[in-house]
N, C-alpha and C. Protein backbone atom coordinates (compact mmCIF):
# COMPACT_ATOMS: atom_id res chain seq x y z
N UNK A 1 55.36 27.03 127.88
CA UNK A 1 56.35 26.42 127.16
C UNK A 1 57.48 26.93 128.20
N UNK A 2 57.80 25.52 128.32
CA UNK A 2 59.42 25.42 129.36
C UNK A 2 60.73 25.73 128.11
N UNK A 3 60.95 26.79 128.25
CA UNK A 3 62.14 27.32 127.22
C UNK A 3 63.40 26.65 127.74
N UNK A 4 63.38 26.29 129.01
CA UNK A 4 64.87 25.95 129.41
C UNK A 4 65.19 24.32 128.61
N UNK A 5 64.05 23.89 128.05
CA UNK A 5 64.41 22.26 127.52
C UNK A 5 65.05 22.70 126.04
N UNK A 6 64.63 24.18 125.75
CA UNK A 6 65.54 24.47 124.25
C UNK A 6 66.36 25.54 124.27
N UNK A 7 66.78 26.18 125.19
CA UNK A 7 67.70 27.14 125.22
C UNK A 7 68.73 26.98 126.27
N UNK A 8 69.80 27.14 125.77
CA UNK A 8 71.13 27.11 126.98
C UNK A 8 72.17 28.19 126.60
N UNK A 9 73.45 27.90 127.43
CA UNK A 9 74.51 28.71 127.42
C UNK A 9 75.54 28.10 127.78
N UNK A 10 76.85 28.26 126.94
CA UNK A 10 77.88 27.71 127.64
C UNK A 10 79.10 28.41 127.09
N UNK A 11 80.01 28.73 128.29
CA UNK A 11 81.06 29.70 128.07
C UNK A 11 82.31 28.90 127.01
N UNK A 12 81.94 28.05 126.57
CA UNK A 12 82.89 27.45 125.85
C UNK A 12 82.39 27.60 124.14
N UNK A 13 80.98 27.82 124.01
CA UNK A 13 80.49 27.84 122.67
C UNK A 13 79.90 29.23 122.72
N UNK A 14 80.41 29.86 121.41
CA UNK A 14 79.82 31.12 121.12
C UNK A 14 80.13 32.10 121.99
N UNK A 15 80.94 32.11 122.98
CA UNK A 15 81.64 32.94 124.14
C UNK A 15 80.41 32.90 125.04
N UNK A 16 79.67 32.01 125.11
CA UNK A 16 78.67 31.99 126.14
C UNK A 16 77.34 32.64 125.93
N UNK A 17 76.98 32.98 124.45
CA UNK A 17 75.90 33.47 123.87
C UNK A 17 74.37 32.51 123.97
N UNK A 18 73.84 32.91 124.30
CA UNK A 18 72.40 32.28 124.62
C UNK A 18 72.11 31.59 123.27
N UNK A 19 71.81 30.44 123.50
CA UNK A 19 71.66 29.66 121.97
C UNK A 19 70.92 28.29 122.36
N UNK A 20 70.42 27.72 121.22
CA UNK A 20 69.47 26.62 121.01
C UNK A 20 70.32 25.54 121.54
N UNK A 21 69.70 24.70 122.09
CA UNK A 21 70.65 23.33 122.62
C UNK A 21 70.70 22.41 121.08
N UNK A 22 71.95 22.08 121.27
CA UNK A 22 72.32 21.39 120.29
C UNK A 22 72.85 22.10 118.96
N UNK A 23 72.83 23.61 118.85
CA UNK A 23 73.44 24.23 117.74
C UNK A 23 74.16 25.17 118.06
N UNK A 24 74.62 25.96 117.26
CA UNK A 24 75.38 27.14 117.32
C UNK A 24 74.51 28.51 117.12
N UNK A 25 73.70 28.24 116.97
CA UNK A 25 72.46 29.29 116.38
C UNK A 25 72.08 29.96 117.73
N UNK A 26 72.42 31.48 117.89
CA UNK A 26 71.94 32.27 119.03
C UNK A 26 70.32 32.47 119.10
N UNK A 27 69.81 32.37 120.05
CA UNK A 27 68.53 32.91 120.34
C UNK A 27 68.34 34.37 119.61
N UNK A 28 69.04 35.25 119.73
CA UNK A 28 69.08 36.49 119.29
C UNK A 28 68.57 36.53 117.72
N UNK A 29 69.02 35.59 116.98
CA UNK A 29 68.80 35.71 115.57
C UNK A 29 67.26 35.27 115.31
N UNK A 30 66.66 34.35 116.30
CA UNK A 30 65.51 34.03 115.81
C UNK A 30 64.26 35.40 116.20
N UNK A 31 64.98 35.92 117.20
CA UNK A 31 64.10 36.82 117.97
C UNK A 31 64.43 38.28 116.98
N UNK A 32 65.48 38.27 116.41
CA UNK A 32 65.71 39.65 115.36
C UNK A 32 64.84 39.47 114.00
N UNK A 33 64.53 37.94 113.60
CA UNK A 33 64.02 37.67 112.22
C UNK A 33 62.45 38.01 112.42
N UNK A 34 62.30 37.28 113.96
CA UNK A 34 60.82 37.35 114.31
C UNK A 34 60.27 39.12 114.16
N UNK A 35 61.30 39.96 114.87
CA UNK A 35 60.99 41.23 115.08
C UNK A 35 60.98 42.06 113.55
N UNK A 36 61.60 41.48 112.89
CA UNK A 36 61.70 41.98 111.44
C UNK A 36 60.43 41.72 110.59
N UNK A 37 59.50 40.72 111.23
CA UNK A 37 58.38 40.29 110.33
C UNK A 37 58.53 38.94 109.74
N UNK A 38 59.77 38.37 109.79
CA UNK A 38 60.12 36.80 109.09
C UNK A 38 58.78 36.11 109.61
N UNK A 39 58.56 34.97 108.66
CA UNK A 39 57.37 34.08 108.97
C UNK A 39 58.38 32.89 109.65
N UNK A 40 57.73 32.28 110.73
CA UNK A 40 58.24 31.01 111.19
C UNK A 40 58.80 30.09 110.52
N UNK A 41 57.88 29.68 109.05
CA UNK A 41 58.50 28.78 108.15
C UNK A 41 59.79 29.34 107.62
N UNK A 42 59.79 30.51 107.32
CA UNK A 42 61.02 31.12 106.64
C UNK A 42 62.23 31.11 107.50
N UNK A 43 62.05 31.44 108.83
CA UNK A 43 63.07 30.93 109.98
C UNK A 43 63.67 29.50 110.27
N UNK A 44 62.63 28.84 109.95
CA UNK A 44 63.17 27.13 110.11
C UNK A 44 63.74 27.05 108.93
N UNK A 45 63.40 27.35 107.73
CA UNK A 45 63.94 27.10 106.38
C UNK A 45 65.28 27.41 106.38
N UNK A 46 65.51 28.58 106.92
CA UNK A 46 66.99 29.64 106.98
C UNK A 46 67.87 28.73 107.89
N UNK A 47 67.52 28.05 109.00
CA UNK A 47 67.98 27.63 110.21
C UNK A 47 67.52 26.19 110.48
N UNK A 48 68.26 25.21 109.28
CA UNK A 48 67.73 23.93 109.58
C UNK A 48 68.12 22.98 110.88
N UNK A 49 68.66 23.74 111.58
CA UNK A 49 69.10 22.82 112.83
C UNK A 49 68.14 23.42 114.13
N UNK A 50 66.95 24.13 113.63
CA UNK A 50 66.09 24.59 114.72
C UNK A 50 64.70 23.46 114.27
N UNK A 51 63.75 23.46 115.17
CA UNK A 51 62.55 22.83 115.31
C UNK A 51 61.44 23.93 115.26
N UNK A 52 60.41 23.37 115.11
CA UNK A 52 59.11 24.21 115.57
C UNK A 52 58.91 24.84 116.71
N UNK A 53 59.77 24.24 117.75
CA UNK A 53 59.49 24.49 119.34
C UNK A 53 60.72 25.48 119.48
N UNK A 54 61.53 25.64 118.58
CA UNK A 54 62.46 26.32 119.28
C UNK A 54 61.78 27.95 119.15
N UNK A 55 61.07 28.17 118.41
CA UNK A 55 60.62 29.66 118.37
C UNK A 55 59.73 30.14 119.35
N UNK A 56 58.54 29.40 119.65
CA UNK A 56 58.07 29.68 121.00
C UNK A 56 58.75 29.66 121.93
N UNK A 57 59.97 28.82 122.14
CA UNK A 57 60.85 29.03 123.13
C UNK A 57 61.59 30.41 123.12
N UNK A 58 62.00 30.71 122.38
CA UNK A 58 62.67 31.89 122.00
C UNK A 58 61.60 33.01 122.59
N UNK A 59 60.58 33.26 122.14
CA UNK A 59 59.60 34.26 122.55
C UNK A 59 59.23 33.89 124.20
N UNK A 60 59.12 32.64 124.83
CA UNK A 60 58.94 32.66 126.04
C UNK A 60 60.12 33.05 126.80
N UNK A 61 61.35 32.80 126.54
CA UNK A 61 62.68 33.50 127.03
C UNK A 61 62.92 34.82 126.98
N UNK A 62 62.49 35.39 125.87
CA UNK A 62 62.07 36.84 125.94
C UNK A 62 61.44 37.47 127.04
N UNK A 63 60.09 37.25 126.65
CA UNK A 63 59.01 37.18 127.73
C UNK A 63 59.54 36.93 129.17
N UNK A 64 60.18 36.04 129.71
CA UNK A 64 60.74 35.85 131.18
C UNK A 64 61.99 37.45 131.17
N UNK A 65 62.61 37.61 130.22
CA UNK A 65 63.58 38.57 130.55
C UNK A 65 62.69 39.89 130.51
N UNK A 66 61.98 40.09 129.76
CA UNK A 66 61.32 41.26 129.65
C UNK A 66 60.48 41.65 131.22
N UNK A 67 60.09 40.49 132.07
CA UNK A 67 59.61 41.01 133.63
C UNK A 67 60.66 41.15 134.45
N UNK A 68 61.95 41.41 134.07
CA UNK A 68 63.16 42.26 134.75
C UNK A 68 63.44 41.48 135.92
N UNK A 69 63.60 40.19 135.94
CA UNK A 69 64.32 39.60 136.73
C UNK A 69 65.40 38.62 136.17
N UNK A 70 66.10 38.07 137.21
CA UNK A 70 67.45 37.37 136.80
C UNK A 70 66.85 36.04 136.52
N UNK A 71 67.50 35.60 135.25
CA UNK A 71 66.66 34.22 134.32
C UNK A 71 67.97 33.40 134.45
N UNK A 72 67.88 32.39 135.29
CA UNK A 72 69.33 31.64 135.10
C UNK A 72 69.20 30.58 133.90
N UNK A 73 70.12 30.43 133.30
CA UNK A 73 70.39 29.58 132.23
C UNK A 73 71.07 28.22 132.84
N UNK A 74 70.48 27.05 132.61
CA UNK A 74 71.02 25.84 132.68
C UNK A 74 72.19 25.63 131.94
N UNK A 75 73.09 25.06 132.70
CA UNK A 75 74.55 24.91 131.88
C UNK A 75 74.18 23.43 131.21
């Protein structure tokens, strides 16, 4: 999964928080919901700006961060 197609950051939007492309939804919202046991379908219902590819993109992004290396975010 190439998460870079779905995740971005811009200092002018959400104070630079990592978010999904075309939205103001932070990636942490999806990760927190998944960690709390929310079903993917429920997350997509709660955040209609997301699509089904956003959830695995969030997990791929988190996995890359967990590998403890600097992850560049395309602007």
